[in-house]
Amino acid sequence: MEELNKIIDYITNTDSYKNTIKLREQMSHNTELNNLIEEVKSLQKKYIKNNNESIKKELDDKINTLNSYPIYNSYNKYLEEVNQMISYVNDELNDYFNKVINESN
């Protein structure tokens, strides 16, 4: 457990993690951006259910608008970096447990 806490501490002390949290907080105060994010989510659900080309066009337009926000792009960049770190840890843990299980058999 102590080792896991060290890993968590390491990740939460990275600039990527800190920037992700800071940008998420800044984004939370931008009503226009939050509304756009909600519209994109809603359109994604509609498109998955209906697979309609007009919904896809509207979704693409909203995503392009969303991507025009520099804060949103920065947030996604840092979030991706954090997710990669977490994924790496997850892969290492899976490898470790697979090794332990295979050695015991």
PDB file of N, CA and C in Angstrom:
ATOM      1  N   MET A   1       0.821  -1.190   0.000  1.00  0.00           N
ATOM      2  CA  MET A   1       0.000   0.000   0.000  1.00  0.00           C
ATOM      3  C   MET A   1       0.864   1.252   0.000  1.00  0.00           C
ATOM      4  N   GLU A   2       1.973   1.192   0.727  1.00  0.00           N
ATOM      5  CA  GLU A   2       2.864   2.351   0.789  1.00  0.00           C
ATOM      6  C   GLU A   2       3.430   2.681  -0.596  1.00  0.00           C
ATOM      7  N   GLU A   3       3.773   1.647  -1.352  1.00  0.00           N
ATOM      8  CA  GLU A   3       4.305   1.866  -2.698  1.00  0.00           C
ATOM      9  C   GLU A   3       3.257   2.491  -3.605  1.00  0.00           C
ATOM     10  N   LEU A   4       2.038   2.050  -3.466  1.00  0.00           N
ATOM     11  CA  LEU A   4       0.954   2.625  -4.266  1.00  0.00           C
ATOM     12  C   LEU A   4       0.755   4.096  -3.930  1.00  0.00           C
ATOM     13  N   ASN A   5       0.833   4.428  -2.656  1.00  0.00           N
ATOM     14  CA  ASN A   5       0.715   5.827  -2.253  1.00  0.00           C
ATOM     15  C   ASN A   5       1.846   6.667  -2.829  1.00  0.00           C
ATOM     16  N   LYS A   6       3.032   6.087  -2.937  1.00  0.00           N
ATOM     17  CA  LYS A   6       4.155   6.804  -3.537  1.00  0.00           C
ATOM     18  C   LYS A   6       3.894   7.097  -5.006  1.00  0.00           C
ATOM     19  N   ILE A   7       3.332   6.129  -5.685  1.00  0.00           N
ATOM     20  CA  ILE A   7       3.006   6.320  -7.106  1.00  0.00           C
ATOM     21  C   ILE A   7       1.945   7.404  -7.261  1.00  0.00           C
ATOM     22  N   ILE A   8       0.930   7.340  -6.436  1.00  0.00           N
ATOM     23  CA  ILE A   8      -0.133   8.348  -6.485  1.00  0.00           C
ATOM     24  C   ILE A   8       0.443   9.729  -6.184  1.00  0.00           C
ATOM     25  N   ASP A   9       1.276   9.808  -5.172  1.00  0.00           N
ATOM     26  CA  ASP A   9       1.923  11.087  -4.841  1.00  0.00           C
ATOM     27  C   ASP A   9       2.758  11.601  -6.003  1.00  0.00           C
ATOM     28  N   TYR A  10       3.485  10.686  -6.623  1.00  0.00           N
ATOM     29  CA  TYR A  10       4.310  11.096  -7.755  1.00  0.00           C
ATOM     30  C   TYR A  10       3.442  11.707  -8.861  1.00  0.00           C
ATOM     31  N   ILE A  11       2.385  11.010  -9.232  1.00  0.00           N
ATOM     32  CA  ILE A  11       1.513  11.493 -10.313  1.00  0.00           C
ATOM     33  C   ILE A  11       0.868  12.822  -9.935  1.00  0.00           C
ATOM     34  N   THR A  12       0.354  12.914  -8.715  1.00  0.00           N
ATOM     35  CA  THR A  12      -0.345  14.142  -8.321  1.00  0.00           C
ATOM     36  C   THR A  12       0.604  15.323  -8.125  1.00  0.00           C
ATOM     37  N   ASN A  13       1.898  15.064  -8.075  1.00  0.00           N
ATOM     38  CA  ASN A  13       2.868  16.152  -7.956  1.00  0.00           C
ATOM     39  C   ASN A  13       3.491  16.551  -9.292  1.00  0.00           C
ATOM     40  N   THR A  14       3.072  15.911 -10.368  1.00  0.00           N
ATOM     41  CA  THR A  14       3.605  16.286 -11.678  1.00  0.00           C
ATOM     42  C   THR A  14       2.951  17.576 -12.160  1.00  0.00           C
ATOM     43  N   ASP A  15       3.664  18.275 -13.017  1.00  0.00           N
ATOM     44  CA  ASP A  15       3.108  19.496 -13.610  1.00  0.00           C
ATOM     45  C   ASP A  15       1.865  19.174 -14.442  1.00  0.00           C
ATOM     46  N   SER A  16       1.883  18.040 -15.105  1.00  0.00           N
ATOM     47  CA  SER A  16       0.725  17.661 -15.938  1.00  0.00           C
ATOM     48  C   SER A  16      -0.534  17.554 -15.091  1.00  0.00           C
ATOM     49  N   TYR A  17      -0.419  16.892 -13.961  1.00  0.00           N
ATOM     50  CA  TYR A  17      -1.580  16.733 -13.087  1.00  0.00           C
ATOM     51  C   TYR A  17      -2.021  18.085 -12.530  1.00  0.00           C
ATOM     52  N   LYS A  18      -1.067  18.852 -12.039  1.00  0.00           N
ATOM     53  CA  LYS A  18      -1.402  20.154 -11.466  1.00  0.00           C
ATOM     54  C   LYS A  18      -2.042  21.079 -12.504  1.00  0.00           C
ATOM     55  N   ASN A  19      -1.514  21.052 -13.718  1.00  0.00           N
ATOM     56  CA  ASN A  19      -2.101  21.878 -14.778  1.00  0.00           C
ATOM     57  C   ASN A  19      -3.498  21.402 -15.165  1.00  0.00           C
ATOM     58  N   THR A  20      -3.694  20.102 -15.165  1.00  0.00           N
ATOM     59  CA  THR A  20      -5.022  19.561 -15.465  1.00  0.00           C
ATOM     60  C   THR A  20      -6.044  20.063 -14.450  1.00  0.00           C
ATOM     61  N   ILE A  21      -5.699  20.011 -13.194  1.00  0.00           N
ATOM     62  CA  ILE A  21      -6.605  20.459 -12.129  1.00  0.00           C
ATOM     63  C   ILE A  21      -6.856  21.959 -12.239  1.00  0.00           C
ATOM     64  N   LYS A  22      -5.802  22.716 -12.460  1.00  0.00           N
ATOM     65  CA  LYS A  22      -5.932  24.174 -12.568  1.00  0.00           C
ATOM     66  C   LYS A  22      -6.823  24.559 -13.755  1.00  0.00           C
ATOM     67  N   LEU A  23      -6.588  23.930 -14.899  1.00  0.00           N
ATOM     68  CA  LEU A  23      -7.375  24.249 -16.084  1.00  0.00           C
ATOM     69  C   LEU A  23      -8.829  23.796 -15.941  1.00  0.00           C
ATOM     70  N   ARG A  24      -9.032  22.655 -15.313  1.00  0.00           N
ATOM     71  CA  ARG A  24     -10.404  22.196 -15.085  1.00  0.00           C
ATOM     72  C   ARG A  24     -11.163  23.200 -14.224  1.00  0.00           C
ATOM     73  N   GLU A  25     -10.492  23.718 -13.220  1.00  0.00           N
ATOM     74  CA  GLU A  25     -11.108  24.732 -12.358  1.00  0.00           C
ATOM     75  C   GLU A  25     -11.427  26.004 -13.155  1.00  0.00           C
ATOM     76  N   GLN A  26     -10.502  26.440 -13.976  1.00  0.00           N
ATOM     77  CA  GLN A  26     -10.748  27.622 -14.795  1.00  0.00           C
ATOM     78  C   GLN A  26     -11.902  27.389 -15.768  1.00  0.00           C
ATOM     79  N   MET A  27     -11.926  26.210 -16.350  1.00  0.00           N
ATOM     80  CA  MET A  27     -12.995  25.892 -17.296  1.00  0.00           C
ATOM     81  C   MET A  27     -14.355  25.847 -16.611  1.00  0.00           C
ATOM     82  N   SER A  28     -14.373  25.456 -15.366  1.00  0.00           N
ATOM     83  CA  SER A  28     -15.646  25.341 -14.660  1.00  0.00           C
ATOM     84  C   SER A  28     -16.343  26.690 -14.504  1.00  0.00           C
ATOM     85  N   HIS A  29     -15.593  27.760 -14.631  1.00  0.00           N
ATOM     86  CA  HIS A  29     -16.165  29.101 -14.505  1.00  0.00           C
ATOM     87  C   HIS A  29     -16.595  29.688 -15.847  1.00  0.00           C
ATOM     88  N   ASN A  30     -16.373  28.944 -16.908  1.00  0.00           N
ATOM     89  CA  ASN A  30     -16.729  29.419 -18.241  1.00  0.00           C
ATOM     90  C   ASN A  30     -18.029  28.744 -18.679  1.00  0.00           C
ATOM     91  N   THR A  31     -19.124  29.443 -18.482  1.00  0.00           N
ATOM     92  CA  THR A  31     -20.451  28.888 -18.774  1.00  0.00           C
ATOM     93  C   THR A  31     -20.595  28.514 -20.242  1.00  0.00           C
ATOM     94  N   GLU A  32     -20.109  29.361 -21.110  1.00  0.00           N
ATOM     95  CA  GLU A  32     -20.208  29.103 -22.551  1.00  0.00           C
ATOM     96  C   GLU A  32     -19.495  27.806 -22.925  1.00  0.00           C
ATOM     97  N   LEU A  33     -18.319  27.628 -22.401  1.00  0.00           N
ATOM     98  CA  LEU A  33     -17.547  26.418 -22.677  1.00  0.00           C
ATOM     99  C   LEU A  33     -18.233  25.185 -22.093  1.00  0.00           C
ATOM    100  N   ASN A  34     -18.722  25.282 -20.889  1.00  0.00           N
ATOM    101  CA  ASN A  34     -19.418  24.152 -20.263  1.00  0.00           C
ATOM    102  C   ASN A  34     -20.688  23.781 -21.014  1.00  0.00           C
ATOM    103  N   ASN A  35     -21.406  24.769 -21.476  1.00  0.00           N
ATOM    104  CA  ASN A  35     -22.608  24.490 -22.266  1.00  0.00           C
ATOM    105  C   ASN A  35     -22.246  23.778 -23.565  1.00  0.00           C
ATOM    106  N   LEU A  36     -21.179  24.215 -24.181  1.00  0.00           N
ATOM    107  CA  LEU A  36     -20.733  23.581 -25.413  1.00  0.00           C
ATOM    108  C   LEU A  36     -20.307  22.133 -25.171  1.00  0.00           C
ATOM    109  N   ILE A  37     -19.607  21.890 -24.098  1.00  0.00           N
ATOM    110  CA  ILE A  37     -19.207  20.520 -23.746  1.00  0.00           C
ATOM    111  C   ILE A  37     -20.441  19.643 -23.540  1.00  0.00           C
ATOM    112  N   GLU A  38     -21.430  20.161 -22.856  1.00  0.00           N
ATOM    113  CA  GLU A  38     -22.669  19.404 -22.640  1.00  0.00           C
ATOM    114  C   GLU A  38     -23.402  19.142 -23.951  1.00  0.00           C
ATOM    115  N   GLU A  39     -23.384  20.119 -24.848  1.00  0.00           N
ATOM    116  CA  GLU A  39     -24.014  19.931 -26.165  1.00  0.00           C
ATOM    117  C   GLU A  39     -23.303  18.818 -26.932  1.00  0.00           C
ATOM    118  N   VAL A  40     -21.999  18.824 -26.884  1.00  0.00           N
ATOM    119  CA  VAL A  40     -21.228  17.778 -27.579  1.00  0.00           C
ATOM    120  C   VAL A  40     -21.565  16.409 -27.000  1.00  0.00           C
ATOM    121  N   LYS A  41     -21.606  16.289 -25.700  1.00  0.00           N
ATOM    122  CA  LYS A  41     -21.950  15.011 -25.066  1.00  0.00           C
ATOM    123  C   LYS A  41     -23.339  14.544 -25.488  1.00  0.00           C
ATOM    124  N   SER A  42     -24.267  15.460 -25.484  1.00  0.00           N
ATOM    125  CA  SER A  42     -25.639  15.128 -25.869  1.00  0.00           C
ATOM    126  C   SER A  42     -25.707  14.683 -27.336  1.00  0.00           C
ATOM    127  N   LEU A  43     -25.029  15.411 -28.190  1.00  0.00           N
ATOM    128  CA  LEU A  43     -25.020  15.042 -29.609  1.00  0.00           C
ATOM    129  C   LEU A  43     -24.317  13.710 -29.842  1.00  0.00           C
ATOM    130  N   GLN A  44     -23.285  13.431 -29.076  1.00  0.00           N
ATOM    131  CA  GLN A  44     -22.605  12.140 -29.198  1.00  0.00           C
ATOM    132  C   GLN A  44     -23.560  10.994 -28.867  1.00  0.00           C
ATOM    133  N   LYS A  45     -24.337  11.167 -27.821  1.00  0.00           N
ATOM    134  CA  LYS A  45     -25.315  10.141 -27.448  1.00  0.00           C
ATOM    135  C   LYS A  45     -26.371   9.968 -28.531  1.00  0.00           C
ATOM    136  N   LYS A  46     -26.858  11.092 -29.056  1.00  0.00           N
ATOM    137  CA  LYS A  46     -27.857  11.028 -30.131  1.00  0.00           C
ATOM    138  C   LYS A  46     -27.291  10.334 -31.358  1.00  0.00           C
ATOM    139  N   TYR A  47     -26.080  10.675 -31.690  1.00  0.00           N
ATOM    140  CA  TYR A  47     -25.475  10.091 -32.883  1.00  0.00           C
ATOM    141  C   TYR A  47     -25.270   8.584 -32.716  1.00  0.00           C
ATOM    142  N   ILE A  48     -24.851   8.161 -31.550  1.00  0.00           N
ATOM    143  CA  ILE A  48     -24.666   6.733 -31.301  1.00  0.00           C
ATOM    144  C   ILE A  48     -25.983   5.985 -31.428  1.00  0.00           C
ATOM    145  N   LYS A  49     -27.053   6.586 -30.922  1.00  0.00           N
ATOM    146  CA  LYS A  49     -28.361   5.931 -30.986  1.00  0.00           C
ATOM    147  C   LYS A  49     -28.934   5.917 -32.392  1.00  0.00           C
ATOM    148  N   ASN A  50     -28.732   7.020 -33.131  1.00  0.00           N
ATOM    149  CA  ASN A  50     -29.426   7.178 -34.416  1.00  0.00           C
ATOM    150  C   ASN A  50     -28.547   7.021 -35.647  1.00  0.00           C
ATOM    151  N   ASN A  51     -27.246   7.216 -35.477  1.00  0.00           N
ATOM    152  CA  ASN A  51     -26.332   7.149 -36.614  1.00  0.00           C
ATOM    153  C   ASN A  51     -26.842   7.984 -37.790  1.00  0.00           C
ATOM    154  N   ASN A  52     -27.279   9.184 -37.465  1.00  0.00           N
ATOM    155  CA  ASN A  52     -27.861  10.091 -38.445  1.00  0.00           C
ATOM    156  C   ASN A  52     -26.806  11.076 -38.937  1.00  0.00           C
ATOM    157  N   GLU A  53     -26.738  11.267 -40.248  1.00  0.00           N
ATOM    158  CA  GLU A  53     -25.708  12.123 -40.838  1.00  0.00           C
ATOM    159  C   GLU A  53     -25.864  13.596 -40.451  1.00  0.00           C
ATOM    160  N   SER A  54     -27.072  14.067 -40.294  1.00  0.00           N
ATOM    161  CA  SER A  54     -27.267  15.471 -39.893  1.00  0.00           C
ATOM    162  C   SER A  54     -26.798  15.701 -38.448  1.00  0.00           C
ATOM    163  N   ILE A  55     -27.014  14.706 -37.610  1.00  0.00           N
ATOM    164  CA  ILE A  55     -26.517  14.794 -36.228  1.00  0.00           C
ATOM    165  C   ILE A  55     -24.990  14.787 -36.244  1.00  0.00           C
ATOM    166  N   LYS A  56     -24.408  13.957 -37.081  1.00  0.00           N
ATOM    167  CA  LYS A  56     -22.955  13.880 -37.202  1.00  0.00           C
ATOM    168  C   LYS A  56     -22.387  15.227 -37.637  1.00  0.00           C
ATOM    169  N   LYS A  57     -23.022  15.868 -38.586  1.00  0.00           N
ATOM    170  CA  LYS A  57     -22.566  17.180 -39.066  1.00  0.00           C
ATOM    171  C   LYS A  57     -22.623  18.206 -37.941  1.00  0.00           C
ATOM    172  N   GLU A  58     -23.725  18.230 -37.214  1.00  0.00           N
ATOM    173  CA  GLU A  58     -23.867  19.160 -36.091  1.00  0.00           C
ATOM    174  C   GLU A  58     -22.821  18.864 -35.010  1.00  0.00           C
ATOM    175  N   LEU A  59     -22.614  17.594 -34.744  1.00  0.00           N
ATOM    176  CA  LEU A  59     -21.609  17.180 -33.764  1.00  0.00           C
ATOM    177  C   LEU A  59     -20.221  17.642 -34.190  1.00  0.00           C
ATOM    178  N   ASP A  60     -19.875  17.424 -35.422  1.00  0.00           N
ATOM    179  CA  ASP A  60     -18.567  17.853 -35.933  1.00  0.00           C
ATOM    180  C   ASP A  60     -18.392  19.362 -35.816  1.00  0.00           C
ATOM    181  N   ASP A  61     -19.436  20.105 -36.124  1.00  0.00           N
ATOM    182  CA  ASP A  61     -19.383  21.571 -36.002  1.00  0.00           C
ATOM    183  C   ASP A  61     -19.145  21.995 -34.557  1.00  0.00           C
ATOM    184  N   LYS A  62     -19.837  21.343 -33.639  1.00  0.00           N
ATOM    185  CA  LYS A  62     -19.690  21.682 -32.214  1.00  0.00           C
ATOM    186  C   LYS A  62     -18.293  21.307 -31.711  1.00  0.00           C
ATOM    187  N   ILE A  63     -17.796  20.180 -32.156  1.00  0.00           N
ATOM    188  CA  ILE A  63     -16.449  19.756 -31.756  1.00  0.00           C
ATOM    189  C   ILE A  63     -15.413  20.737 -32.291  1.00  0.00           C
ATOM    190  N   ASN A  64     -15.581  21.181 -33.517  1.00  0.00           N
ATOM    191  CA  ASN A  64     -14.658  22.171 -34.071  1.00  0.00           C
ATOM    192  C   ASN A  64     -14.696  23.464 -33.272  1.00  0.00           C
ATOM    193  N   THR A  65     -15.875  23.867 -32.872  1.00  0.00           N
ATOM    194  CA  THR A  65     -16.005  25.069 -32.047  1.00  0.00           C
ATOM    195  C   THR A  65     -15.328  24.845 -30.702  1.00  0.00           C
ATOM    196  N   LEU A  66     -15.571  23.694 -30.117  1.00  0.00           N
ATOM    197  CA  LEU A  66     -14.966  23.357 -28.826  1.00  0.00           C
ATOM    198  C   LEU A  66     -13.439  23.370 -28.925  1.00  0.00           C
ATOM    199  N   ASN A  67     -12.927  22.845 -29.999  1.00  0.00           N
ATOM    200  CA  ASN A  67     -11.477  22.794 -30.192  1.00  0.00           C
ATOM    201  C   ASN A  67     -10.858  24.163 -30.467  1.00  0.00           C
ATOM    202  N   SER A  68     -11.677  25.150 -30.680  1.00  0.00           N
ATOM    203  CA  SER A  68     -11.155  26.505 -30.902  1.00  0.00           C
ATOM    204  C   SER A  68     -10.833  27.209 -29.583  1.00  0.00           C
ATOM    205  N   TYR A  69     -11.184  26.586 -28.458  1.00  0.00           N
ATOM    206  CA  TYR A  69     -10.887  27.145 -27.141  1.00  0.00           C
ATOM    207  C   TYR A  69      -9.494  26.672 -26.712  1.00  0.00           C
ATOM    208  N   PRO A  70      -8.531  27.565 -26.620  1.00  0.00           N
ATOM    209  CA  PRO A  70      -7.184  27.152 -26.225  1.00  0.00           C
ATOM    210  C   PRO A  70      -7.134  26.466 -24.853  1.00  0.00           C
ATOM    211  N   ILE A  71      -7.945  26.935 -23.924  1.00  0.00           N
ATOM    212  CA  ILE A  71      -7.933  26.333 -22.586  1.00  0.00           C
ATOM    213  C   ILE A  71      -8.387  24.873 -22.647  1.00  0.00           C
ATOM    214  N   TYR A  72      -9.354  24.588 -23.503  1.00  0.00           N
ATOM    215  CA  TYR A  72      -9.858  23.225 -23.660  1.00  0.00           C
ATOM    216  C   TYR A  72      -8.772  22.321 -24.253  1.00  0.00           C
ATOM    217  N   ASN A  73      -8.057  22.840 -25.246  1.00  0.00           N
ATOM    218  CA  ASN A  73      -6.975  22.059 -25.858  1.00  0.00           C
ATOM    219  C   ASN A  73      -5.845  21.800 -24.879  1.00  0.00           C
ATOM    220  N   SER A  74      -5.494  22.803 -24.110  1.00  0.00           N
ATOM    221  CA  SER A  74      -4.443  22.621 -23.100  1.00  0.00           C
ATOM    222  C   SER A  74      -4.871  21.602 -22.053  1.00  0.00           C
ATOM    223  N   TYR A  75      -6.093  21.721 -21.609  1.00  0.00           N
ATOM    224  CA  TYR A  75      -6.628  20.774 -20.626  1.00  0.00           C
ATOM    225  C   TYR A  75      -6.529  19.346 -21.161  1.00  0.00           C
ATOM    226  N   ASN A  76      -6.956  19.138 -22.388  1.00  0.00           N
ATOM    227  CA  ASN A  76      -6.915  17.795 -22.975  1.00  0.00           C
ATOM    228  C   ASN A  76      -5.494  17.281 -23.124  1.00  0.00           C
ATOM    229  N   LYS A  77      -4.564  18.151 -23.462  1.00  0.00           N
ATOM    230  CA  LYS A  77      -3.157  17.764 -23.585  1.00  0.00           C
ATOM    231  C   LYS A  77      -2.634  17.255 -22.240  1.00  0.00           C
ATOM    232  N   TYR A  78      -2.868  18.022 -21.184  1.00  0.00           N
ATOM    233  CA  TYR A  78      -2.374  17.607 -19.870  1.00  0.00           C
ATOM    234  C   TYR A  78      -3.117  16.382 -19.353  1.00  0.00           C
ATOM    235  N   LEU A  79      -4.396  16.318 -19.614  1.00  0.00           N
ATOM    236  CA  LEU A  79      -5.174  15.156 -19.190  1.00  0.00           C
ATOM    237  C   LEU A  79      -4.653  13.888 -19.865  1.00  0.00           C
ATOM    238  N   GLU A  80      -4.318  13.992 -21.126  1.00  0.00           N
ATOM    239  CA  GLU A  80      -3.769  12.845 -21.850  1.00  0.00           C
ATOM    240  C   GLU A  80      -2.448  12.393 -21.219  1.00  0.00           C
ATOM    241  N   GLU A  81      -1.615  13.338 -20.837  1.00  0.00           N
ATOM    242  CA  GLU A  81      -0.346  12.992 -20.190  1.00  0.00           C
ATOM    243  C   GLU A  81      -0.584  12.261 -18.866  1.00  0.00           C
ATOM    244  N   VAL A  82      -1.533  12.742 -18.093  1.00  0.00           N
ATOM    245  CA  VAL A  82      -1.855  12.091 -16.819  1.00  0.00           C
ATOM    246  C   VAL A  82      -2.422  10.698 -17.075  1.00  0.00           C
ATOM    247  N   ASN A  83      -3.299  10.587 -18.036  1.00  0.00           N
ATOM    248  CA  ASN A  83      -3.878   9.281 -18.357  1.00  0.00           C
ATOM    249  C   ASN A  83      -2.816   8.292 -18.838  1.00  0.00           C
ATOM    250  N   GLN A  84      -1.817   8.785 -19.551  1.00  0.00           N
ATOM    251  CA  GLN A  84      -0.729   7.905 -19.987  1.00  0.00           C
ATOM    252  C   GLN A  84       0.066   7.386 -18.792  1.00  0.00           C
ATOM    253  N   MET A  85       0.306   8.250 -17.818  1.00  0.00           N
ATOM    254  CA  MET A  85       1.003   7.807 -16.612  1.00  0.00           C
ATOM    255  C   MET A  85       0.194   6.730 -15.887  1.00  0.00           C
ATOM    256  N   ILE A  86      -1.087   6.969 -15.760  1.00  0.00           N
ATOM    257  CA  ILE A  86      -1.958   6.012 -15.071  1.00  0.00           C
ATOM    258  C   ILE A  86      -2.010   4.704 -15.849  1.00  0.00           C
ATOM    259  N   SER A  87      -2.088   4.794 -17.147  1.00  0.00           N
ATOM    260  CA  SER A  87      -2.118   3.602 -17.982  1.00  0.00           C
ATOM    261  C   SER A  87      -0.823   2.796 -17.849  1.00  0.00           C
ATOM    262  N   TYR A  88       0.290   3.493 -17.781  1.00  0.00           N
ATOM    263  CA  TYR A  88       1.577   2.823 -17.603  1.00  0.00           C
ATOM    264  C   TYR A  88       1.600   2.054 -16.279  1.00  0.00           C
ATOM    265  N   VAL A  89       1.148   2.695 -15.217  1.00  0.00           N
ATOM    266  CA  VAL A  89       1.104   2.039 -13.908  1.00  0.00           C
ATOM    267  C   VAL A  89       0.183   0.825 -13.968  1.00  0.00           C
ATOM    268  N   ASN A  90      -0.958   1.001 -14.598  1.00  0.00           N
ATOM    269  CA  ASN A  90      -1.915  -0.097 -14.734  1.00  0.00           C
ATOM    270  C   ASN A  90      -1.294  -1.275 -15.497  1.00  0.00           C
ATOM    271  N   ASP A  91      -0.608  -0.980 -16.586  1.00  0.00           N
ATOM    272  CA  ASP A  91       0.047  -2.037 -17.355  1.00  0.00           C
ATOM    273  C   ASP A  91       1.105  -2.764 -16.527  1.00  0.00           C
ATOM    274  N   GLU A  92       1.877  -1.995 -15.786  1.00  0.00           N
ATOM    275  CA  GLU A  92       2.915  -2.601 -14.948  1.00  0.00           C
ATOM    276  C   GLU A  92       2.306  -3.498 -13.867  1.00  0.00           C
ATOM    277  N   LEU A  93       1.216  -3.036 -13.272  1.00  0.00           N
ATOM    278  CA  LEU A  93       0.539  -3.857 -12.259  1.00  0.00           C
ATOM    279  C   LEU A  93      -0.024  -5.133 -12.870  1.00  0.00           C
ATOM    280  N   ASN A  94      -0.617  -5.019 -14.039  1.00  0.00           N
ATOM    281  CA  ASN A  94      -1.142  -6.206 -14.720  1.00  0.00           C
ATOM    282  C   ASN A  94      -0.025  -7.198 -15.029  1.00  0.00           C
ATOM    283  N   ASP A  95       1.093  -6.684 -15.524  1.00  0.00           N
ATOM    284  CA  ASP A  95       2.234  -7.557 -15.808  1.00  0.00           C
ATOM    285  C   ASP A  95       2.726  -8.250 -14.539  1.00  0.00           C
ATOM    286  N   TYR A  96       2.814  -7.487 -13.476  1.00  0.00           N
ATOM    287  CA  TYR A  96       3.276  -8.040 -12.205  1.00  0.00           C
ATOM    288  C   TYR A  96       2.357  -9.169 -11.731  1.00  0.00           C
ATOM    289  N   PHE A  97       1.049  -8.915 -11.742  1.00  0.00           N
ATOM    290  CA  PHE A  97       0.116  -9.936 -11.261  1.00  0.00           C
ATOM    291  C   PHE A  97       0.082 -11.152 -12.182  1.00  0.00           C
ATOM    292  N   ASN A  98       0.207 -10.933 -13.462  1.00  0.00           N
ATOM    293  CA  ASN A  98       0.273 -12.070 -14.382  1.00  0.00           C
ATOM    294  C   ASN A  98       1.497 -12.924 -14.101  1.00  0.00           C
ATOM    295  N   LYS A  99       2.601 -12.277 -13.833  1.00  0.00           N
ATOM    296  CA  LYS A  99       3.832 -12.989 -13.521  1.00  0.00           C
ATOM    297  C   LYS A  99       3.676 -13.790 -12.223  1.00  0.00           C
ATOM    298  N   VAL A 100       3.109 -13.166 -11.215  1.00  0.00           N
ATOM    299  CA  VAL A 100       2.902 -13.840  -9.925  1.00  0.00           C
ATOM    300  C   VAL A 100       1.972 -15.036 -10.093  1.00  0.00           C
ATOM    301  N   ILE A 101       0.913 -14.860 -10.812  1.00  0.00           N
ATOM    302  CA  ILE A 101      -0.053 -15.952 -11.019  1.00  0.00           C
ATOM    303  C   ILE A 101       0.576 -17.089 -11.817  1.00  0.00           C
ATOM    304  N   ASN A 102       1.318 -16.763 -12.855  1.00  0.00           N
ATOM    305  CA  ASN A 102       1.942 -17.798 -13.694  1.00  0.00           C
ATOM    306  C   ASN A 102       3.057 -18.538 -12.959  1.00  0.00           C
ATOM    307  N   GLU A 103       3.769 -17.859 -12.088  1.00  0.00           N
ATOM    308  CA  GLU A 103       4.832 -18.513 -11.338  1.00  0.00           C
ATOM    309  C   GLU A 103       4.280 -19.449 -10.270  1.00  0.00           C
ATOM    310  N   SER A 104       3.097 -19.150  -9.774  1.00  0.00           N
ATOM    311  CA  SER A 104       2.520 -19.993  -8.732  1.00  0.00           C
ATOM    312  C   SER A 104       1.863 -21.247  -9.314  1.00  0.00           C
ATOM    313  N   ASN A 105       1.668 -21.282 -10.604  1.00  0.00           N
ATOM    314  CA  ASN A 105       1.029 -22.455 -11.241  1.00  0.00           C
ATOM    315  C   ASN A 105       2.006 -23.474 -11.683  1.00  0.00           C
TER     316      ASN A 105
END
